Amino acid sequence: MYDLISYVSRGKVRKRVLLNLVKAHTPTELSQIIKTHRSTTSRTILSLEKKELVKCLTPTEKMGRYYEITELGKKVLKKLE
C-alpha cells in the first residue's frame, strides 16, 4: 500500500487526478478542471488505471470514456491527507 502512496505523492498531476475523479469524468473534462494538457491527463489516468487506482466505466467506447477512482484509490488518498 505504501508503494502506491509514494507513487501518487511523487506526482502532482497524479494526486490532482485522483482527487478530481471522485466524480466520474472524461479525460477532456478532467484536463479542463485540473488545467493540464489532455495528453498529460490521459497518460496519468492510464498509469493510475494500471495500478488499479482508477477504473474505466465505459471501456467499450472509443471516445468519451468515463473514469472514476476505485476503492483502493480512495484508501491511498485518505492516507495522503
PDB file of N, CA and C in Angstrom:
ATOM      1  N   MET A   1       0.810  -1.193   0.000  1.00  0.00           N
ATOM      2  CA  MET A   1       0.000   0.000   0.000  1.00  0.00           C
ATOM      3  C   MET A   1       0.863   1.271   0.000  1.00  0.00           C
ATOM      4  N   TYR A   2       1.950   1.263   0.782  1.00  0.00           N
ATOM      5  CA  TYR A   2       2.790   2.467   0.849  1.00  0.00           C
ATOM      6  C   TYR A   2       3.551   2.718  -0.447  1.00  0.00           C
ATOM      7  N   ASP A   3       3.754   1.684  -1.249  1.00  0.00           N
ATOM      8  CA  ASP A   3       4.369   1.917  -2.557  1.00  0.00           C
ATOM      9  C   ASP A   3       3.422   2.726  -3.445  1.00  0.00           C
ATOM     10  N   LEU A   4       2.116   2.482  -3.336  1.00  0.00           N
ATOM     11  CA  LEU A   4       1.132   3.257  -4.102  1.00  0.00           C
ATOM     12  C   LEU A   4       1.026   4.684  -3.572  1.00  0.00           C
ATOM     13  N   ILE A   5       1.080   4.835  -2.267  1.00  0.00           N
ATOM     14  CA  ILE A   5       1.037   6.171  -1.669  1.00  0.00           C
ATOM     15  C   ILE A   5       2.236   6.983  -2.144  1.00  0.00           C
ATOM     16  N   SER A   6       3.397   6.367  -2.147  1.00  0.00           N
ATOM     17  CA  SER A   6       4.608   7.022  -2.623  1.00  0.00           C
ATOM     18  C   SER A   6       4.477   7.393  -4.103  1.00  0.00           C
ATOM     19  N   TYR A   7       3.956   6.469  -4.901  1.00  0.00           N
ATOM     20  CA  TYR A   7       3.775   6.696  -6.335  1.00  0.00           C
ATOM     21  C   TYR A   7       2.885   7.914  -6.587  1.00  0.00           C
ATOM     22  N   VAL A   8       1.780   8.000  -5.877  1.00  0.00           N
ATOM     23  CA  VAL A   8       0.854   9.116  -6.072  1.00  0.00           C
ATOM     24  C   VAL A   8       1.460  10.415  -5.552  1.00  0.00           C
ATOM     25  N   SER A   9       2.084  10.377  -4.401  1.00  0.00           N
ATOM     26  CA  SER A   9       2.614  11.607  -3.804  1.00  0.00           C
ATOM     27  C   SER A   9       3.789  12.187  -4.592  1.00  0.00           C
ATOM     28  N   ARG A  10       4.487  11.357  -5.374  1.00  0.00           N
ATOM     29  CA  ARG A  10       5.618  11.844  -6.176  1.00  0.00           C
ATOM     30  C   ARG A  10       5.169  12.648  -7.389  1.00  0.00           C
ATOM     31  N   GLY A  11       3.891  12.537  -7.765  1.00  0.00           N
ATOM     32  CA  GLY A  11       3.422  13.248  -8.957  1.00  0.00           C
ATOM     33  C   GLY A  11       2.284  14.203  -8.637  1.00  0.00           C
ATOM     34  N   LYS A  12       2.499  15.492  -8.911  1.00  0.00           N
ATOM     35  CA  LYS A  12       1.468  16.490  -8.647  1.00  0.00           C
ATOM     36  C   LYS A  12       0.195  16.192  -9.428  1.00  0.00           C
ATOM     37  N   VAL A  13       0.354  15.824 -10.695  1.00  0.00           N
ATOM     38  CA  VAL A  13      -0.809  15.572 -11.545  1.00  0.00           C
ATOM     39  C   VAL A  13      -1.543  14.311 -11.083  1.00  0.00           C
ATOM     40  N   ARG A  14      -0.810  13.290 -10.673  1.00  0.00           N
ATOM     41  CA  ARG A  14      -1.447  12.055 -10.205  1.00  0.00           C
ATOM     42  C   ARG A  14      -2.403  12.330  -9.054  1.00  0.00           C
ATOM     43  N   LYS A  15      -1.926  13.097  -8.094  1.00  0.00           N
ATOM     44  CA  LYS A  15      -2.754  13.391  -6.922  1.00  0.00           C
ATOM     45  C   LYS A  15      -3.974  14.211  -7.325  1.00  0.00           C
ATOM     46  N   ARG A  16      -3.780  15.211  -8.190  1.00  0.00           N
ATOM     47  CA  ARG A  16      -4.911  16.045  -8.630  1.00  0.00           C
ATOM     48  C   ARG A  16      -5.925  15.235  -9.413  1.00  0.00           C
ATOM     49  N   VAL A  17      -5.446  14.302 -10.238  1.00  0.00           N
ATOM     50  CA  VAL A  17      -6.364  13.437 -10.991  1.00  0.00           C
ATOM     51  C   VAL A  17      -7.203  12.606 -10.031  1.00  0.00           C
ATOM     52  N   LEU A  18      -6.545  11.969  -9.076  1.00  0.00           N
ATOM     53  CA  LEU A  18      -7.291  11.144  -8.108  1.00  0.00           C
ATOM     54  C   LEU A  18      -8.307  11.975  -7.327  1.00  0.00           C
ATOM     55  N   LEU A  19      -7.901  13.128  -6.862  1.00  0.00           N
ATOM     56  CA  LEU A  19      -8.804  13.984  -6.090  1.00  0.00           C
ATOM     57  C   LEU A  19     -10.049  14.385  -6.881  1.00  0.00           C
ATOM     58  N   ASN A  20      -9.888  14.550  -8.187  1.00  0.00           N
ATOM     59  CA  ASN A  20     -10.999  15.009  -9.013  1.00  0.00           C
ATOM     60  C   ASN A  20     -11.786  13.886  -9.674  1.00  0.00           C
ATOM     61  N   LEU A  21     -11.356  12.640  -9.486  1.00  0.00           N
ATOM     62  CA  LEU A  21     -12.110  11.519 -10.055  1.00  0.00           C
ATOM     63  C   LEU A  21     -13.055  10.877  -9.038  1.00  0.00           C
ATOM     64  N   VAL A  22     -13.318  11.563  -7.943  1.00  0.00           N
ATOM     65  CA  VAL A  22     -14.328  11.076  -7.004  1.00  0.00           C
ATOM     66  C   VAL A  22     -15.670  11.050  -7.742  1.00  0.00           C
ATOM     67  N   LYS A  23     -15.851  11.999  -8.649  1.00  0.00           N
ATOM     68  CA  LYS A  23     -16.993  12.011  -9.561  1.00  0.00           C
ATOM     69  C   LYS A  23     -16.447  11.622 -10.942  1.00  0.00           C
ATOM     70  N   ALA A  24     -17.169  10.803 -11.676  1.00  0.00           N
ATOM     71  CA  ALA A  24     -16.700  10.327 -12.988  1.00  0.00           C
ATOM     72  C   ALA A  24     -16.539  11.477 -13.981  1.00  0.00           C
ATOM     73  N   HIS A  25     -15.424  11.434 -14.724  1.00  0.00           N
ATOM     74  CA  HIS A  25     -15.130  12.430 -15.755  1.00  0.00           C
ATOM     75  C   HIS A  25     -14.439  11.759 -16.932  1.00  0.00           C
ATOM     76  N   THR A  26     -14.500  12.424 -18.076  1.00  0.00           N
ATOM     77  CA  THR A  26     -13.693  12.024 -19.230  1.00  0.00           C
ATOM     78  C   THR A  26     -12.328  12.697 -19.071  1.00  0.00           C
ATOM     79  N   PRO A  27     -11.314  12.203 -19.768  1.00  0.00           N
ATOM     80  CA  PRO A  27     -10.008  12.873 -19.701  1.00  0.00           C
ATOM     81  C   PRO A  27     -10.073  14.346 -20.124  1.00  0.00           C
ATOM     82  N   THR A  28     -10.901  14.658 -21.108  1.00  0.00           N
ATOM     83  CA  THR A  28     -11.038  16.046 -21.567  1.00  0.00           C
ATOM     84  C   THR A  28     -11.623  16.926 -20.471  1.00  0.00           C
ATOM     85  N   GLU A  29     -12.705  16.466 -19.846  1.00  0.00           N
ATOM     86  CA  GLU A  29     -13.311  17.227 -18.750  1.00  0.00           C
ATOM     87  C   GLU A  29     -12.309  17.424 -17.617  1.00  0.00           C
ATOM     88  N   LEU A  30     -11.628  16.348 -17.280  1.00  0.00           N
ATOM     89  CA  LEU A  30     -10.675  16.387 -16.179  1.00  0.00           C
ATOM     90  C   LEU A  30      -9.514  17.335 -16.469  1.00  0.00           C
ATOM     91  N   SER A  31      -9.022  17.328 -17.698  1.00  0.00           N
ATOM     92  CA  SER A  31      -7.909  18.219 -18.044  1.00  0.00           C
ATOM     93  C   SER A  31      -8.323  19.679 -17.924  1.00  0.00           C
ATOM     94  N   GLN A  32      -9.584  19.988 -18.214  1.00  0.00           N
ATOM     95  CA  GLN A  32     -10.071  21.362 -18.055  1.00  0.00           C
ATOM     96  C   GLN A  32     -10.181  21.732 -16.575  1.00  0.00           C
ATOM     97  N   ILE A  33     -10.590  20.778 -15.752  1.00  0.00           N
ATOM     98  CA  ILE A  33     -10.739  21.024 -14.319  1.00  0.00           C
ATOM     99  C   ILE A  33      -9.379  21.260 -13.652  1.00  0.00           C
ATOM    100  N   ILE A  34      -8.408  20.389 -13.972  1.00  0.00           N
ATOM    101  CA  ILE A  34      -7.108  20.498 -13.297  1.00  0.00           C
ATOM    102  C   ILE A  34      -6.092  21.336 -14.078  1.00  0.00           C
ATOM    103  N   LYS A  35      -6.542  21.865 -15.220  1.00  0.00           N
ATOM    104  CA  LYS A  35      -5.732  22.778 -16.032  1.00  0.00           C
ATOM    105  C   LYS A  35      -4.392  22.177 -16.468  1.00  0.00           C
ATOM    106  N   THR A  36      -4.484  21.012 -17.119  1.00  0.00           N
ATOM    107  CA  THR A  36      -3.313  20.391 -17.745  1.00  0.00           C
ATOM    108  C   THR A  36      -3.690  20.014 -19.172  1.00  0.00           C
ATOM    109  N   HIS A  37      -2.704  19.661 -19.959  1.00  0.00           N
ATOM    110  CA  HIS A  37      -2.983  19.197 -21.323  1.00  0.00           C
ATOM    111  C   HIS A  37      -3.737  17.875 -21.265  1.00  0.00           C
ATOM    112  N   ARG A  38      -4.602  17.669 -22.243  1.00  0.00           N
ATOM    113  CA  ARG A  38      -5.385  16.430 -22.286  1.00  0.00           C
ATOM    114  C   ARG A  38      -4.481  15.215 -22.398  1.00  0.00           C
ATOM    115  N   SER A  39      -3.401  15.317 -23.148  1.00  0.00           N
ATOM    116  CA  SER A  39      -2.493  14.173 -23.301  1.00  0.00           C
ATOM    117  C   SER A  39      -1.833  13.823 -21.963  1.00  0.00           C
ATOM    118  N   THR A  40      -1.467  14.836 -21.189  1.00  0.00           N
ATOM    119  CA  THR A  40      -0.879  14.606 -19.866  1.00  0.00           C
ATOM    120  C   THR A  40      -1.894  13.917 -18.962  1.00  0.00           C
ATOM    121  N   THR A  41      -3.115  14.407 -18.984  1.00  0.00           N
ATOM    122  CA  THR A  41      -4.185  13.830 -18.166  1.00  0.00           C
ATOM    123  C   THR A  41      -4.459  12.388 -18.582  1.00  0.00           C
ATOM    124  N   SER A  42      -4.530  12.130 -19.875  1.00  0.00           N
ATOM    125  CA  SER A  42      -4.795  10.774 -20.368  1.00  0.00           C
ATOM    126  C   SER A  42      -3.695   9.805 -19.960  1.00  0.00           C
ATOM    127  N   ARG A  43      -2.447  10.223 -20.108  1.00  0.00           N
ATOM    128  CA  ARG A  43      -1.315   9.369 -19.704  1.00  0.00           C
ATOM    129  C   ARG A  43      -1.357   9.078 -18.210  1.00  0.00           C
ATOM    130  N   THR A  44      -1.684  10.086 -17.439  1.00  0.00           N
ATOM    131  CA  THR A  44      -1.759   9.918 -15.985  1.00  0.00           C
ATOM    132  C   THR A  44      -2.872   8.955 -15.616  1.00  0.00           C
ATOM    133  N   ILE A  45      -4.026   9.102 -16.246  1.00  0.00           N
ATOM    134  CA  ILE A  45      -5.155   8.198 -15.979  1.00  0.00           C
ATOM    135  C   ILE A  45      -4.766   6.764 -16.315  1.00  0.00           C
ATOM    136  N   LEU A  46      -4.121   6.546 -17.446  1.00  0.00           N
ATOM    137  CA  LEU A  46      -3.723   5.192 -17.837  1.00  0.00           C
ATOM    138  C   LEU A  46      -2.733   4.594 -16.845  1.00  0.00           C
ATOM    139  N   SER A  47      -1.795   5.400 -16.360  1.00  0.00           N
ATOM    140  CA  SER A  47      -0.834   4.870 -15.380  1.00  0.00           C
ATOM    141  C   SER A  47      -1.533   4.540 -14.065  1.00  0.00           C
ATOM    142  N   LEU A  48      -2.490   5.360 -13.664  1.00  0.00           N
ATOM    143  CA  LEU A  48      -3.241   5.086 -12.434  1.00  0.00           C
ATOM    144  C   LEU A  48      -4.161   3.876 -12.604  1.00  0.00           C
ATOM    145  N   GLU A  49      -4.656   3.687 -13.818  1.00  0.00           N
ATOM    146  CA  GLU A  49      -5.512   2.525 -14.106  1.00  0.00           C
ATOM    147  C   GLU A  49      -4.698   1.228 -14.006  1.00  0.00           C
ATOM    148  N   LYS A  50      -3.468   1.251 -14.487  1.00  0.00           N
ATOM    149  CA  LYS A  50      -2.597   0.074 -14.390  1.00  0.00           C
ATOM    150  C   LYS A  50      -2.320  -0.301 -12.937  1.00  0.00           C
ATOM    151  N   LYS A  51      -2.288   0.706 -12.071  1.00  0.00           N
ATOM    152  CA  LYS A  51      -2.048   0.471 -10.641  1.00  0.00           C
ATOM    153  C   LYS A  51      -3.357   0.191  -9.893  1.00  0.00           C
ATOM    154  N   GLU A  52      -4.464   0.130 -10.644  1.00  0.00           N
ATOM    155  CA  GLU A  52      -5.814  -0.143 -10.113  1.00  0.00           C
ATOM    156  C   GLU A  52      -6.303   0.924  -9.140  1.00  0.00           C
ATOM    157  N   LEU A  53      -5.879   2.164  -9.380  1.00  0.00           N
ATOM    158  CA  LEU A  53      -6.329   3.285  -8.556  1.00  0.00           C
ATOM    159  C   LEU A  53      -7.528   3.992  -9.180  1.00  0.00           C
ATOM    160  N   VAL A  54      -7.679   3.853 -10.496  1.00  0.00           N
ATOM    161  CA  VAL A  54      -8.867   4.351 -11.191  1.00  0.00           C
ATOM    162  C   VAL A  54      -9.368   3.251 -12.115  1.00  0.00           C
ATOM    163  N   LYS A  55     -10.640   3.359 -12.510  1.00  0.00           N
ATOM    164  CA  LYS A  55     -11.224   2.372 -13.426  1.00  0.00           C
ATOM    165  C   LYS A  55     -12.021   3.093 -14.505  1.00  0.00           C
ATOM    166  N   CYS A  56     -12.069   2.464 -15.659  1.00  0.00           N
ATOM    167  CA  CYS A  56     -12.849   2.985 -16.773  1.00  0.00           C
ATOM    168  C   CYS A  56     -14.269   2.451 -16.632  1.00  0.00           C
ATOM    169  N   LEU A  57     -15.235   3.354 -16.674  1.00  0.00           N
ATOM    170  CA  LEU A  57     -16.637   2.967 -16.550  1.00  0.00           C
ATOM    171  C   LEU A  57     -17.264   2.629 -17.893  1.00  0.00           C
ATOM    172  N   THR A  58     -16.624   3.049 -18.985  1.00  0.00           N
ATOM    173  CA  THR A  58     -17.146   2.816 -20.335  1.00  0.00           C
ATOM    174  C   THR A  58     -16.054   2.245 -21.240  1.00  0.00           C
ATOM    175  N   PRO A  59     -15.525   1.057 -20.929  1.00  0.00           N
ATOM    176  CA  PRO A  59     -14.365   0.534 -21.659  1.00  0.00           C
ATOM    177  C   PRO A  59     -14.619   0.214 -23.132  1.00  0.00           C
ATOM    178  N   THR A  60     -15.862   0.020 -23.542  1.00  0.00           N
ATOM    179  CA  THR A  60     -16.134  -0.320 -24.939  1.00  0.00           C
ATOM    180  C   THR A  60     -16.200   0.906 -25.841  1.00  0.00           C
ATOM    181  N   GLU A  61     -16.244   2.092 -25.256  1.00  0.00           N
ATOM    182  CA  GLU A  61     -16.289   3.324 -26.038  1.00  0.00           C
ATOM    183  C   GLU A  61     -14.900   3.665 -26.568  1.00  0.00           C
ATOM    184  N   LYS A  62     -14.849   4.164 -27.787  1.00  0.00           N
ATOM    185  CA  LYS A  62     -13.570   4.592 -28.372  1.00  0.00           C
ATOM    186  C   LYS A  62     -13.223   6.008 -27.913  1.00  0.00           C
ATOM    187  N   MET A  63     -14.237   6.850 -27.782  1.00  0.00           N
ATOM    188  CA  MET A  63     -14.035   8.237 -27.349  1.00  0.00           C
ATOM    189  C   MET A  63     -15.009   8.520 -26.216  1.00  0.00           C
ATOM    190  N   GLY A  64     -14.689   9.503 -25.413  1.00  0.00           N
ATOM    191  CA  GLY A  64     -15.585   9.894 -24.337  1.00  0.00           C
ATOM    192  C   GLY A  64     -15.683   8.872 -23.222  1.00  0.00           C
ATOM    193  N   ARG A  65     -14.570   8.220 -22.931  1.00  0.00           N
ATOM    194  CA  ARG A  65     -14.565   7.240 -21.833  1.00  0.00           C
ATOM    195  C   ARG A  65     -14.629   7.962 -20.496  1.00  0.00           C
ATOM    196  N   TYR A  66     -15.410   7.398 -19.588  1.00  0.00           N
ATOM    197  CA  TYR A  66     -15.527   7.956 -18.243  1.00  0.00           C
ATOM    198  C   TYR A  66     -14.699   7.134 -17.271  1.00  0.00           C
ATOM    199  N   TYR A  67     -13.984   7.841 -16.405  1.00  0.00           N
ATOM    200  CA  TYR A  67     -13.132   7.203 -15.400  1.00  0.00           C
ATOM    201  C   TYR A  67     -13.556   7.650 -14.013  1.00  0.00           C
ATOM    202  N   GLU A  68     -13.300   6.780 -13.033  1.00  0.00           N
ATOM    203  CA  GLU A  68     -13.651   7.059 -11.655  1.00  0.00           C
ATOM    204  C   GLU A  68     -12.608   6.410 -10.742  1.00  0.00           C
ATOM    205  N   ILE A  69     -12.425   6.970  -9.572  1.00  0.00           N
ATOM    206  CA  ILE A  69     -11.481   6.428  -8.599  1.00  0.00           C
ATOM    207  C   ILE A  69     -12.015   5.102  -8.042  1.00  0.00           C
ATOM    208  N   THR A  70     -11.123   4.170  -7.744  1.00  0.00           N
ATOM    209  CA  THR A  70     -11.517   2.882  -7.158  1.00  0.00           C
ATOM    210  C   THR A  70     -11.457   2.977  -5.635  1.00  0.00           C
ATOM    211  N   GLU A  71     -11.907   1.922  -4.984  1.00  0.00           N
ATOM    212  CA  GLU A  71     -11.825   1.887  -3.515  1.00  0.00           C
ATOM    213  C   GLU A  71     -10.366   1.962  -3.055  1.00  0.00           C
ATOM    214  N   LEU A  72      -9.481   1.265  -3.775  1.00  0.00           N
ATOM    215  CA  LEU A  72      -8.052   1.324  -3.460  1.00  0.00           C
ATOM    216  C   LEU A  72      -7.541   2.753  -3.601  1.00  0.00           C
ATOM    217  N   GLY A  73      -7.956   3.425  -4.667  1.00  0.00           N
ATOM    218  CA  GLY A  73      -7.566   4.818  -4.877  1.00  0.00           C
ATOM    219  C   GLY A  73      -8.031   5.718  -3.740  1.00  0.00           C
ATOM    220  N   LYS A  74      -9.250   5.467  -3.250  1.00  0.00           N
ATOM    221  CA  LYS A  74      -9.786   6.258  -2.129  1.00  0.00           C
ATOM    222  C   LYS A  74      -8.970   6.023  -0.864  1.00  0.00           C
ATOM    223  N   LYS A  75      -8.539   4.786  -0.642  1.00  0.00           N
ATOM    224  CA  LYS A  75      -7.717   4.477   0.536  1.00  0.00           C
ATOM    225  C   LYS A  75      -6.369   5.192   0.459  1.00  0.00           C
ATOM    226  N   VAL A  76      -5.779   5.201  -0.732  1.00  0.00           N
ATOM    227  CA  VAL A  76      -4.499   5.883  -0.930  1.00  0.00           C
ATOM    228  C   VAL A  76      -4.660   7.379  -0.650  1.00  0.00           C
ATOM    229  N   LEU A  77      -5.724   7.985  -1.190  1.00  0.00           N
ATOM    230  CA  LEU A  77      -5.964   9.402  -0.943  1.00  0.00           C
ATOM    231  C   LEU A  77      -6.146   9.711   0.527  1.00  0.00           C
ATOM    232  N   LYS A  78      -6.853   8.839   1.207  1.00  0.00           N
ATOM    233  CA  LYS A  78      -7.103   9.033   2.638  1.00  0.00           C
ATOM    234  C   LYS A  78      -5.782   9.073   3.427  1.00  0.00           C
ATOM    235  N   LYS A  79      -4.845   8.208   3.040  1.00  0.00           N
ATOM    236  CA  LYS A  79      -3.528   8.165   3.705  1.00  0.00           C
ATOM    237  C   LYS A  79      -2.701   9.425   3.410  1.00  0.00           C
ATOM    238  N   LEU A  80      -2.983  10.071   2.280  1.00  0.00           N
ATOM    239  CA  LEU A  80      -2.229  11.263   1.893  1.00  0.00           C
ATOM    240  C   LEU A  80      -2.738  12.530   2.570  1.00  0.00           C
ATOM    241  N   GLU A  81      -3.899  12.475   3.190  1.00  0.00           N
ATOM    242  CA  GLU A  81      -4.467  13.673   3.818  1.00  0.00           C
ATOM    243  C   GLU A  81      -3.725  14.071   5.056  1.00  0.00           C
TER     244      GLU A  81
END
